[in-house]
Full PDB file with SEQRES, HELIX, SHEET, SSBOND, CRYST1, ORIGX, SCALE, CONECT and MASTER records, all heavy atoms in Angstrom:
SEQRES   1 A   38  SER VAL LYS GLY ARG PHE THR ILE SER ARG ASP ASN ALA          
SEQRES   2 A   38  LYS ASN THR ILE TYR LEU GLN MET ASN SER LEU LYS PRO          
SEQRES   3 A   38  GLU ASP THR ALA ILE TYR TYR CYS ASN ALA ASP ALA              
HELIX    1 AA1 ASN A   12  LYS A   14  5                                   3    
HELIX    2 AA2 PRO A   26  ASP A   28  5                                   3    
SHEET    1 AA1 2 PHE A   6  ASP A  11  0                                        
SHEET    2 AA1 2 THR A  16  MET A  21 -1                                        
CRYST1    1.000    1.000    1.000  90.00  90.00  90.00 P 1           1          
ORIGX1      1.000000  0.000000  0.000000        0.00000                         
ORIGX2      0.000000  1.000000  0.000000        0.00000                         
ORIGX3      0.000000  0.000000  1.000000        0.00000                         
SCALE1      1.000000  0.000000  0.000000        0.00000                         
SCALE2      0.000000  1.000000  0.000000        0.00000                         
SCALE3      0.000000  0.000000  1.000000        0.00000                         
ATOM      1  N   SER A   1      -4.847  11.665   1.028  1.00  0.00           N  
ATOM      2  CA  SER A   1      -3.904  11.824   2.113  1.00  0.00           C  
ATOM      3  C   SER A   1      -2.555  11.146   1.887  1.00  0.00           C  
ATOM      4  O   SER A   1      -1.566  11.472   2.558  1.00  0.00           O  
ATOM      5  CB  SER A   1      -4.501  11.314   3.415  1.00  0.00           C  
ATOM      6  OG  SER A   1      -4.827   9.938   3.311  1.00  0.00           O  
ATOM      7  N   VAL A   2      -2.489  10.216   0.914  1.00  0.00           N  
ATOM      8  CA  VAL A   2      -1.254   9.484   0.666  1.00  0.00           C  
ATOM      9  C   VAL A   2      -0.661   9.747  -0.735  1.00  0.00           C  
ATOM     10  O   VAL A   2       0.420   9.246  -1.001  1.00  0.00           O  
ATOM     11  CB  VAL A   2      -1.451   7.975   0.885  1.00  0.00           C  
ATOM     12  CG1 VAL A   2      -2.034   7.696   2.263  1.00  0.00           C  
ATOM     13  CG2 VAL A   2      -2.303   7.380  -0.223  1.00  0.00           C  
ATOM     14  N   LYS A   3      -1.350  10.505  -1.545  1.00  0.00           N  
ATOM     15  CA  LYS A   3      -0.824  10.791  -2.885  1.00  0.00           C  
ATOM     16  C   LYS A   3       0.511  11.475  -2.814  1.00  0.00           C  
ATOM     17  O   LYS A   3       0.727  12.413  -2.040  1.00  0.00           O  
ATOM     18  CB  LYS A   3      -1.817  11.673  -3.658  1.00  0.00           C  
ATOM     19  CG  LYS A   3      -3.098  10.948  -4.090  1.00  0.00           C  
ATOM     20  CD  LYS A   3      -4.020  11.856  -4.883  1.00  0.00           C  
ATOM     21  CE  LYS A   3      -5.273  11.130  -5.329  1.00  0.00           C  
ATOM     22  NZ  LYS A   3      -6.213  12.024  -6.061  1.00  0.00           N  
ATOM     23  N   GLY A   4       1.443  10.989  -3.640  1.00  0.00           N  
ATOM     24  CA  GLY A   4       2.792  11.545  -3.634  1.00  0.00           C  
ATOM     25  C   GLY A   4       3.710  10.903  -2.650  1.00  0.00           C  
ATOM     26  O   GLY A   4       4.913  11.128  -2.718  1.00  0.00           O  
ATOM     27  N   ARG A   5       3.180  10.155  -1.713  1.00  0.00           N  
ATOM     28  CA  ARG A   5       4.005   9.497  -0.691  1.00  0.00           C  
ATOM     29  C   ARG A   5       3.983   7.975  -0.803  1.00  0.00           C  
ATOM     30  O   ARG A   5       4.982   7.318  -0.523  1.00  0.00           O  
ATOM     31  CB  ARG A   5       3.542   9.904   0.697  1.00  0.00           C  
ATOM     32  CG  ARG A   5       3.636  11.405   0.986  1.00  0.00           C  
ATOM     33  CD  ARG A   5       3.378  11.700   2.448  1.00  0.00           C  
ATOM     34  NE  ARG A   5       2.004  11.328   2.846  1.00  0.00           N  
ATOM     35  CZ  ARG A   5       1.699  10.464   3.817  1.00  0.00           C  
ATOM     36  NH1 ARG A   5       2.676   9.897   4.509  1.00  0.00           N  
ATOM     37  NH2 ARG A   5       0.438  10.194   4.090  1.00  0.00           N  
ATOM     38  N   PHE A   6       2.829   7.423  -1.169  1.00  0.00           N  
ATOM     39  CA  PHE A   6       2.672   5.982  -1.244  1.00  0.00           C  
ATOM     40  C   PHE A   6       2.584   5.546  -2.713  1.00  0.00           C  
ATOM     41  O   PHE A   6       2.057   6.285  -3.556  1.00  0.00           O  
ATOM     42  CB  PHE A   6       1.389   5.515  -0.547  1.00  0.00           C  
ATOM     43  CG  PHE A   6       1.381   5.659   0.958  1.00  0.00           C  
ATOM     44  CD1 PHE A   6       2.385   6.340   1.636  1.00  0.00           C  
ATOM     45  CD2 PHE A   6       0.352   5.089   1.691  1.00  0.00           C  
ATOM     46  CE1 PHE A   6       2.365   6.472   2.996  1.00  0.00           C  
ATOM     47  CE2 PHE A   6       0.334   5.210   3.069  1.00  0.00           C  
ATOM     48  CZ  PHE A   6       1.349   5.898   3.752  1.00  0.00           C  
ATOM     49  N   THR A   7       3.061   4.359  -3.002  1.00  0.00           N  
ATOM     50  CA  THR A   7       2.972   3.781  -4.330  1.00  0.00           C  
ATOM     51  C   THR A   7       2.540   2.335  -4.241  1.00  0.00           C  
ATOM     52  O   THR A   7       3.162   1.535  -3.504  1.00  0.00           O  
ATOM     53  CB  THR A   7       4.326   3.861  -5.058  1.00  0.00           C  
ATOM     54  OG1 THR A   7       4.766   5.224  -5.158  1.00  0.00           O  
ATOM     55  CG2 THR A   7       4.177   3.304  -6.487  1.00  0.00           C  
ATOM     56  N   ILE A   8       1.489   1.993  -4.957  1.00  0.00           N  
ATOM     57  CA  ILE A   8       1.028   0.615  -4.983  1.00  0.00           C  
ATOM     58  C   ILE A   8       1.497  -0.027  -6.284  1.00  0.00           C  
ATOM     59  O   ILE A   8       1.514   0.611  -7.347  1.00  0.00           O  
ATOM     60  CB  ILE A   8      -0.508   0.527  -4.837  1.00  0.00           C  
ATOM     61  CG1 ILE A   8      -0.972  -0.939  -4.658  1.00  0.00           C  
ATOM     62  CG2 ILE A   8      -1.218   1.158  -6.064  1.00  0.00           C  
ATOM     63  CD1 ILE A   8      -2.430  -1.083  -4.263  1.00  0.00           C  
ATOM     64  N   SER A   9       1.886  -1.268  -6.205  1.00  0.00           N  
ATOM     65  CA  SER A   9       2.315  -2.020  -7.400  1.00  0.00           C  
ATOM     66  C   SER A   9       1.863  -3.457  -7.259  1.00  0.00           C  
ATOM     67  O   SER A   9       1.425  -3.891  -6.175  1.00  0.00           O  
ATOM     68  CB  SER A   9       3.842  -1.915  -7.572  1.00  0.00           C  
ATOM     69  OG  SER A   9       4.516  -2.457  -6.456  1.00  0.00           O  
ATOM     70  N   ARG A  10       1.986  -4.193  -8.350  1.00  0.00           N  
ATOM     71  CA  ARG A  10       1.530  -5.578  -8.315  1.00  0.00           C  
ATOM     72  C   ARG A  10       2.345  -6.482  -9.216  1.00  0.00           C  
ATOM     73  O   ARG A  10       2.975  -6.032 -10.177  1.00  0.00           O  
ATOM     74  CB  ARG A  10       0.033  -5.701  -8.676  1.00  0.00           C  
ATOM     75  CG  ARG A  10      -0.258  -5.795 -10.189  1.00  0.00           C  
ATOM     76  CD  ARG A  10      -0.228  -4.449 -10.853  1.00  0.00           C  
ATOM     77  NE  ARG A  10      -0.709  -4.508 -12.243  1.00  0.00           N  
ATOM     78  CZ  ARG A  10       0.084  -4.663 -13.296  1.00  0.00           C  
ATOM     79  NH1 ARG A  10       1.408  -4.802 -13.128  1.00  0.00           N  
ATOM     80  NH2 ARG A  10      -0.441  -4.689 -14.505  1.00  0.00           N  
ATOM     81  N   ASP A  11       2.354  -7.736  -8.868  1.00  0.00           N  
ATOM     82  CA  ASP A  11       2.967  -8.801  -9.667  1.00  0.00           C  
ATOM     83  C   ASP A  11       1.849  -9.813  -9.892  1.00  0.00           C  
ATOM     84  O   ASP A  11       1.568 -10.637  -9.018  1.00  0.00           O  
ATOM     85  CB  ASP A  11       4.138  -9.431  -8.944  1.00  0.00           C  
ATOM     86  CG  ASP A  11       4.858 -10.479  -9.794  1.00  0.00           C  
ATOM     87  OD1 ASP A  11       4.258 -11.025 -10.718  1.00  0.00           O  
ATOM     88  OD2 ASP A  11       6.033 -10.750  -9.506  1.00  0.00           O  
ATOM     89  N   ASN A  12       1.204  -9.722 -11.048  1.00  0.00           N  
ATOM     90  CA  ASN A  12       0.058 -10.585 -11.317  1.00  0.00           C  
ATOM     91  C   ASN A  12       0.412 -12.065 -11.322  1.00  0.00           C  
ATOM     92  O   ASN A  12      -0.410 -12.912 -10.932  1.00  0.00           O  
ATOM     93  CB  ASN A  12      -0.586 -10.193 -12.663  1.00  0.00           C  
ATOM     94  CG  ASN A  12      -1.351  -8.889 -12.609  1.00  0.00           C  
ATOM     95  OD1 ASN A  12      -1.819  -8.485 -11.533  1.00  0.00           O  
ATOM     96  ND2 ASN A  12      -1.502  -8.240 -13.738  1.00  0.00           N  
ATOM     97  N   ALA A  13       1.608 -12.386 -11.775  1.00  0.00           N  
ATOM     98  CA  ALA A  13       2.039 -13.758 -11.826  1.00  0.00           C  
ATOM     99  C   ALA A  13       2.098 -14.383 -10.435  1.00  0.00           C  
ATOM    100  O   ALA A  13       1.869 -15.602 -10.282  1.00  0.00           O  
ATOM    101  CB  ALA A  13       3.395 -13.902 -12.534  1.00  0.00           C  
ATOM    102  N   LYS A  14       2.419 -13.573  -9.454  1.00  0.00           N  
ATOM    103  CA  LYS A  14       2.493 -14.050  -8.070  1.00  0.00           C  
ATOM    104  C   LYS A  14       1.268 -13.702  -7.243  1.00  0.00           C  
ATOM    105  O   LYS A  14       1.202 -14.055  -6.068  1.00  0.00           O  
ATOM    106  CB  LYS A  14       3.726 -13.451  -7.398  1.00  0.00           C  
ATOM    107  CG  LYS A  14       5.044 -13.856  -8.015  1.00  0.00           C  
ATOM    108  CD  LYS A  14       6.224 -13.251  -7.282  1.00  0.00           C  
ATOM    109  CE  LYS A  14       7.555 -13.674  -7.877  1.00  0.00           C  
ATOM    110  NZ  LYS A  14       8.687 -13.070  -7.119  1.00  0.00           N  
ATOM    111  N   ASN A  15       0.294 -13.021  -7.872  1.00  0.00           N  
ATOM    112  CA  ASN A  15      -0.896 -12.548  -7.140  1.00  0.00           C  
ATOM    113  C   ASN A  15      -0.489 -11.805  -5.881  1.00  0.00           C  
ATOM    114  O   ASN A  15      -1.034 -12.034  -4.797  1.00  0.00           O  
ATOM    115  CB  ASN A  15      -1.813 -13.709  -6.833  1.00  0.00           C  
ATOM    116  CG  ASN A  15      -2.619 -14.171  -8.023  1.00  0.00           C  
ATOM    117  OD1 ASN A  15      -3.011 -13.380  -8.867  1.00  0.00           O  
ATOM    118  ND2 ASN A  15      -2.840 -15.469  -8.113  1.00  0.00           N  
ATOM    119  N   THR A  16       0.456 -10.904  -6.061  1.00  0.00           N  
ATOM    120  CA  THR A  16       1.024 -10.137  -4.946  1.00  0.00           C  
ATOM    121  C   THR A  16       0.968  -8.657  -5.225  1.00  0.00           C  
ATOM    122  O   THR A  16       1.239  -8.231  -6.350  1.00  0.00           O  
ATOM    123  CB  THR A  16       2.481 -10.565  -4.671  1.00  0.00           C  
ATOM    124  OG1 THR A  16       2.506 -11.952  -4.327  1.00  0.00           O  
ATOM    125  CG2 THR A  16       3.074  -9.744  -3.528  1.00  0.00           C  
ATOM    126  N   ILE A  17       0.624  -7.877  -4.223  1.00  0.00           N  
ATOM    127  CA  ILE A  17       0.693  -6.417  -4.321  1.00  0.00           C  
ATOM    128  C   ILE A  17       1.635  -5.892  -3.248  1.00  0.00           C  
ATOM    129  O   ILE A  17       1.893  -6.548  -2.235  1.00  0.00           O  
ATOM    130  CB  ILE A  17      -0.684  -5.742  -4.203  1.00  0.00           C  
ATOM    131  CG1 ILE A  17      -1.314  -6.037  -2.834  1.00  0.00           C  
ATOM    132  CG2 ILE A  17      -1.583  -6.169  -5.333  1.00  0.00           C  
ATOM    133  CD1 ILE A  17      -2.527  -5.178  -2.527  1.00  0.00           C  
ATOM    134  N   TYR A  18       2.120  -4.694  -3.494  1.00  0.00           N  
ATOM    135  CA  TYR A  18       3.046  -4.032  -2.589  1.00  0.00           C  
ATOM    136  C   TYR A  18       2.571  -2.613  -2.360  1.00  0.00           C  
ATOM    137  O   TYR A  18       1.937  -1.988  -3.205  1.00  0.00           O  
ATOM    138  CB  TYR A  18       4.464  -3.997  -3.172  1.00  0.00           C  
ATOM    139  CG  TYR A  18       4.953  -5.375  -3.603  1.00  0.00           C  
ATOM    140  CD1 TYR A  18       4.753  -5.815  -4.918  1.00  0.00           C  
ATOM    141  CD2 TYR A  18       5.621  -6.204  -2.739  1.00  0.00           C  
ATOM    142  CE1 TYR A  18       5.184  -7.052  -5.342  1.00  0.00           C  
ATOM    143  CE2 TYR A  18       6.058  -7.448  -3.140  1.00  0.00           C  
ATOM    144  CZ  TYR A  18       5.844  -7.868  -4.441  1.00  0.00           C  
ATOM    145  OH  TYR A  18       6.286  -9.095  -4.838  1.00  0.00           O  
ATOM    146  N   LEU A  19       2.910  -2.076  -1.213  1.00  0.00           N  
ATOM    147  CA  LEU A  19       2.636  -0.694  -0.904  1.00  0.00           C  
ATOM    148  C   LEU A  19       3.907  -0.079  -0.351  1.00  0.00           C  
ATOM    149  O   LEU A  19       4.303  -0.369   0.790  1.00  0.00           O  
ATOM    150  CB  LEU A  19       1.493  -0.545   0.106  1.00  0.00           C  
ATOM    151  CG  LEU A  19       1.038   0.895   0.370  1.00  0.00           C  
ATOM    152  CD1 LEU A  19       0.387   1.505  -0.872  1.00  0.00           C  
ATOM    153  CD2 LEU A  19       0.099   0.937   1.544  1.00  0.00           C  
ATOM    154  N   GLN A  20       4.569   0.743  -1.161  1.00  0.00           N  
ATOM    155  CA  GLN A  20       5.762   1.444  -0.734  1.00  0.00           C  
ATOM    156  C   GLN A  20       5.298   2.758  -0.066  1.00  0.00           C  
ATOM    157  O   GLN A  20       4.664   3.584  -0.695  1.00  0.00           O  
ATOM    158  CB  GLN A  20       6.654   1.759  -1.910  1.00  0.00           C  
ATOM    159  CG  GLN A  20       7.922   2.518  -1.549  1.00  0.00           C  
ATOM    160  CD  GLN A  20       8.850   1.715  -0.664  1.00  0.00           C  
ATOM    161  OE1 GLN A  20       9.126   0.548  -0.935  1.00  0.00           O  
ATOM    162  NE2 GLN A  20       9.328   2.328   0.422  1.00  0.00           N  
ATOM    163  N   MET A  21       5.623   2.905   1.215  1.00  0.00           N  
ATOM    164  CA  MET A  21       5.170   4.040   1.951  1.00  0.00           C  
ATOM    165  C   MET A  21       6.389   4.878   2.348  1.00  0.00           C  
ATOM    166  O   MET A  21       7.255   4.418   3.106  1.00  0.00           O  
ATOM    167  CB  MET A  21       4.411   3.607   3.224  1.00  0.00           C  
ATOM    168  CG  MET A  21       3.225   2.702   2.910  1.00  0.00           C  
ATOM    169  SD  MET A  21       2.242   2.304   4.393  1.00  0.00           S  
ATOM    170  CE  MET A  21       3.428   1.332   5.323  1.00  0.00           C  
ATOM    171  N   ASN A  22       6.459   6.092   1.825  1.00  0.00           N  
ATOM    172  CA  ASN A  22       7.560   6.990   2.108  1.00  0.00           C  
ATOM    173  C   ASN A  22       7.035   8.205   2.853  1.00  0.00           C  
ATOM    174  O   ASN A  22       5.853   8.506   2.851  1.00  0.00           O  
ATOM    175  CB  ASN A  22       8.247   7.425   0.837  1.00  0.00           C  
ATOM    176  CG  ASN A  22       8.886   6.280   0.056  1.00  0.00           C  
ATOM    177  OD1 ASN A  22       9.383   5.324   0.649  1.00  0.00           O  
ATOM    178  ND2 ASN A  22       8.856   6.373  -1.262  1.00  0.00           N  
ATOM    179  N   SER A  23       7.962   8.959   3.459  1.00  0.00           N  
ATOM    180  CA  SER A  23       7.604  10.139   4.194  1.00  0.00           C  
ATOM    181  C   SER A  23       6.437   9.935   5.150  1.00  0.00           C  
ATOM    182  O   SER A  23       5.484  10.695   5.205  1.00  0.00           O  
ATOM    183  CB  SER A  23       7.255  11.285   3.210  1.00  0.00           C  
ATOM    184  OG  SER A  23       8.327  11.547   2.332  1.00  0.00           O  
ATOM    185  N   LEU A  24       6.573   8.863   5.906  1.00  0.00           N  
ATOM    186  CA  LEU A  24       5.499   8.482   6.815  1.00  0.00           C  
ATOM    187  C   LEU A  24       5.276   9.530   7.894  1.00  0.00           C  
ATOM    188  O   LEU A  24       6.212  10.163   8.403  1.00  0.00           O  
ATOM    189  CB  LEU A  24       5.789   7.137   7.444  1.00  0.00           C  
ATOM    190  CG  LEU A  24       5.552   5.920   6.527  1.00  0.00           C  
ATOM    191  CD1 LEU A  24       6.254   4.678   7.033  1.00  0.00           C  
ATOM    192  CD2 LEU A  24       4.064   5.675   6.357  1.00  0.00           C  
ATOM    193  N   LYS A  25       4.011   9.709   8.234  1.00  0.00           N  
ATOM    194  CA  LYS A  25       3.581  10.666   9.253  1.00  0.00           C  
ATOM    195  C   LYS A  25       2.893   9.912  10.407  1.00  0.00           C  
ATOM    196  O   LYS A  25       2.398   8.812  10.227  1.00  0.00           O  
ATOM    197  CB  LYS A  25       2.588  11.654   8.625  1.00  0.00           C  
ATOM    198  CG  LYS A  25       3.112  12.400   7.414  1.00  0.00           C  
ATOM    199  CD  LYS A  25       2.010  13.272   6.814  1.00  0.00           C  
ATOM    200  CE  LYS A  25       2.490  13.998   5.591  1.00  0.00           C  
ATOM    201  NZ  LYS A  25       1.417  14.822   4.984  1.00  0.00           N  
ATOM    202  N   PRO A  26       2.863  10.528  11.588  1.00  0.00           N  
ATOM    203  CA  PRO A  26       2.161   9.881  12.720  1.00  0.00           C  
ATOM    204  C   PRO A  26       0.738   9.531  12.381  1.00  0.00           C  
ATOM    205  O   PRO A  26       0.217   8.505  12.851  1.00  0.00           O  
ATOM    206  CB  PRO A  26       2.252  10.951  13.818  1.00  0.00           C  
ATOM    207  CG  PRO A  26       3.506  11.677  13.515  1.00  0.00           C  
ATOM    208  CD  PRO A  26       3.564  11.764  12.020  1.00  0.00           C  
ATOM    209  N   GLU A  27       0.053  10.338  11.573  1.00  0.00           N  
ATOM    210  CA  GLU A  27      -1.320  10.048  11.215  1.00  0.00           C  
ATOM    211  C   GLU A  27      -1.482   8.868  10.288  1.00  0.00           C  
ATOM    212  O   GLU A  27      -2.592   8.430  10.018  1.00  0.00           O  
ATOM    213  CB  GLU A  27      -1.991  11.296  10.576  1.00  0.00           C  
ATOM    214  CG  GLU A  27      -1.183  11.930   9.489  1.00  0.00           C  
ATOM    215  CD  GLU A  27      -0.370  13.117   9.987  1.00  0.00           C  
ATOM    216  OE1 GLU A  27       0.279  12.987  11.044  1.00  0.00           O  
ATOM    217  OE2 GLU A  27      -0.407  14.165   9.305  1.00  0.00           O  
ATOM    218  N   ASP A  28      -0.369   8.310   9.794  1.00  0.00           N  
ATOM    219  CA  ASP A  28      -0.423   7.079   9.010  1.00  0.00           C  
ATOM    220  C   ASP A  28      -0.530   5.843   9.913  1.00  0.00           C  
ATOM    221  O   ASP A  28      -0.692   4.723   9.412  1.00  0.00           O  
ATOM    222  CB  ASP A  28       0.815   6.950   8.122  1.00  0.00           C  
ATOM    223  CG  ASP A  28       0.853   8.004   7.041  1.00  0.00           C  
ATOM    224  OD1 ASP A  28      -0.211   8.305   6.465  1.00  0.00           O  
ATOM    225  OD2 ASP A  28       1.952   8.526   6.776  1.00  0.00           O  
ATOM    226  N   THR A  29      -0.364   6.019  11.207  1.00  0.00           N  
ATOM    227  CA  THR A  29      -0.459   4.911  12.144  1.00  0.00           C  
ATOM    228  C   THR A  29      -1.818   4.251  12.052  1.00  0.00           C  
ATOM    229  O   THR A  29      -2.853   4.919  12.185  1.00  0.00           O  
ATOM    230  CB  THR A  29      -0.196   5.386  13.585  1.00  0.00           C  
ATOM    231  OG1 THR A  29       1.149   5.874  13.688  1.00  0.00           O  
ATOM    232  CG2 THR A  29      -0.403   4.242  14.568  1.00  0.00           C  
ATOM    233  N   ALA A  30      -1.826   2.953  11.807  1.00  0.00           N  
ATOM    234  CA  ALA A  30      -3.072   2.210  11.634  1.00  0.00           C  
ATOM    235  C   ALA A  30      -2.764   0.739  11.433  1.00  0.00           C  
ATOM    236  O   ALA A  30      -1.621   0.363  11.243  1.00  0.00           O  
ATOM    237  CB  ALA A  30      -3.854   2.754  10.404  1.00  0.00           C  
ATOM    238  N   ILE A  31      -3.815  -0.056  11.491  1.00  0.00           N  
ATOM    239  CA  ILE A  31      -3.703  -1.425  11.027  1.00  0.00           C  
ATOM    240  C   ILE A  31      -4.027  -1.404   9.515  1.00  0.00           C  
ATOM    241  O   ILE A  31      -5.056  -0.858   9.120  1.00  0.00           O  
ATOM    242  CB  ILE A  31      -4.667  -2.356  11.757  1.00  0.00           C  
ATOM    243  CG1 ILE A  31      -4.403  -2.355  13.236  1.00  0.00           C  
ATOM    244  CG2 ILE A  31      -4.567  -3.775  11.194  1.00  0.00           C  
ATOM    245  CD1 ILE A  31      -5.375  -3.166  14.055  1.00  0.00           C  
ATOM    246  N   TYR A  32      -3.136  -1.942   8.738  1.00  0.00           N  
ATOM    247  CA  TYR A  32      -3.308  -1.959   7.284  1.00  0.00           C  
ATOM    248  C   TYR A  32      -3.782  -3.340   6.857  1.00  0.00           C  
ATOM    249  O   TYR A  32      -3.195  -4.370   7.216  1.00  0.00           O  
ATOM    250  CB  TYR A  32      -1.990  -1.614   6.592  1.00  0.00           C  
ATOM    251  CG  TYR A  32      -1.669  -0.146   6.648  1.00  0.00           C  
ATOM    252  CD1 TYR A  32      -1.334   0.471   7.857  1.00  0.00           C  
ATOM    253  CD2 TYR A  32      -1.736   0.652   5.512  1.00  0.00           C  
ATOM    254  CE1 TYR A  32      -1.077   1.830   7.937  1.00  0.00           C  
ATOM    255  CE2 TYR A  32      -1.454   2.002   5.543  1.00  0.00           C  
ATOM    256  CZ  TYR A  32      -1.128   2.592   6.776  1.00  0.00           C  
ATOM    257  OH  TYR A  32      -0.850   3.937   6.828  1.00  0.00           O  
ATOM    258  N   TYR A  33      -4.874  -3.353   6.096  1.00  0.00           N  
ATOM    259  CA  TYR A  33      -5.485  -4.577   5.625  1.00  0.00           C  
ATOM    260  C   TYR A  33      -5.385  -4.732   4.135  1.00  0.00           C  
ATOM    261  O   TYR A  33      -5.645  -3.779   3.376  1.00  0.00           O  
ATOM    262  CB  TYR A  33      -6.988  -4.619   6.012  1.00  0.00           C  
ATOM    263  CG  TYR A  33      -7.252  -4.616   7.493  1.00  0.00           C  
ATOM    264  CD1 TYR A  33      -7.448  -3.424   8.187  1.00  0.00           C  
ATOM    265  CD2 TYR A  33      -7.341  -5.808   8.191  1.00  0.00           C  
ATOM    266  CE1 TYR A  33      -7.707  -3.421   9.536  1.00  0.00           C  
ATOM    267  CE2 TYR A  33      -7.612  -5.822   9.567  1.00  0.00           C  
ATOM    268  CZ  TYR A  33      -7.790  -4.610  10.224  1.00  0.00           C  
ATOM    269  OH  TYR A  33      -8.067  -4.630  11.576  1.00  0.00           O  
ATOM    270  N   CYS A  34      -5.058  -5.911   3.686  1.00  0.00           N  
ATOM    271  CA  CYS A  34      -5.046  -6.239   2.279  1.00  0.00           C  
ATOM    272  C   CYS A  34      -6.437  -6.686   1.844  1.00  0.00           C  
ATOM    273  O   CYS A  34      -7.129  -7.390   2.622  1.00  0.00           O  
ATOM    274  CB  CYS A  34      -4.013  -7.323   2.013  1.00  0.00           C  
ATOM    275  SG  CYS A  34      -3.881  -7.806   0.261  1.00  0.00           S  
ATOM    276  N   ASN A  35      -6.843  -6.285   0.674  1.00  0.00           N  
ATOM    277  CA  ASN A  35      -8.146  -6.662   0.137  1.00  0.00           C  
ATOM    278  C   ASN A  35      -7.995  -7.208  -1.273  1.00  0.00           C  
ATOM    279  O   ASN A  35      -7.139  -6.726  -2.025  1.00  0.00           O  
ATOM    280  CB  ASN A  35      -9.055  -5.400   0.106  1.00  0.00           C  
ATOM    281  CG  ASN A  35     -10.284  -5.574  -0.735  1.00  0.00           C  
ATOM    282  OD1 ASN A  35     -10.273  -5.309  -1.920  1.00  0.00           O  
ATOM    283  ND2 ASN A  35     -11.377  -5.997  -0.092  1.00  0.00           N  
ATOM    284  N   ALA A  36      -8.779  -8.206  -1.600  1.00  0.00           N  
ATOM    285  CA  ALA A  36      -8.741  -8.791  -2.921  1.00  0.00           C  
ATOM    286  C   ALA A  36     -10.148  -8.992  -3.448  1.00  0.00           C  
ATOM    287  O   ALA A  36     -11.013  -9.527  -2.730  1.00  0.00           O  
ATOM    288  CB  ALA A  36      -7.987 -10.096  -2.962  1.00  0.00           C  
ATOM    289  N   ASP A  37     -10.379  -8.590  -4.683  1.00  0.00           N  
ATOM    290  CA  ASP A  37     -11.635  -8.820  -5.392  1.00  0.00           C  
ATOM    291  C   ASP A  37     -11.323  -9.943  -6.397  1.00  0.00           C  
ATOM    292  O   ASP A  37     -10.624  -9.715  -7.383  1.00  0.00           O  
ATOM    293  CB  ASP A  37     -12.100  -7.557  -6.124  1.00  0.00           C  
ATOM    294  CG  ASP A  37     -13.447  -7.720  -6.769  1.00  0.00           C  
ATOM    295  OD1 ASP A  37     -13.871  -8.847  -7.010  1.00  0.00           O  
ATOM    296  OD2 ASP A  37     -14.051  -6.665  -7.122  1.00  0.00           O  
ATOM    297  N   ALA A  38     -11.800 -11.155  -6.109  1.00  0.00           N  
ATOM    298  CA  ALA A  38     -11.389 -12.319  -6.865  1.00  0.00           C  
ATOM    299  C   ALA A  38     -12.578 -12.953  -7.563  1.00  0.00           C  
ATOM    300  O   ALA A  38     -13.723 -12.851  -7.153  1.00  0.00           O  
ATOM    301  CB  ALA A  38     -10.727 -13.355  -5.966  1.00  0.00           C  
TER     302      ALA A  38                                                      
MASTER        0    0    0    2    2    0    0    6  301    1    0    3          
END                                                                             
């Protein structure tokens, strides 16, 4: 449902990830949770 619109990226040195969300739709409305497998 998000392919072509969202892009995930990471900075391993900072242990940080990003989610660039473009062309947002009403159905994207949600609580977004970050998850880590450590």
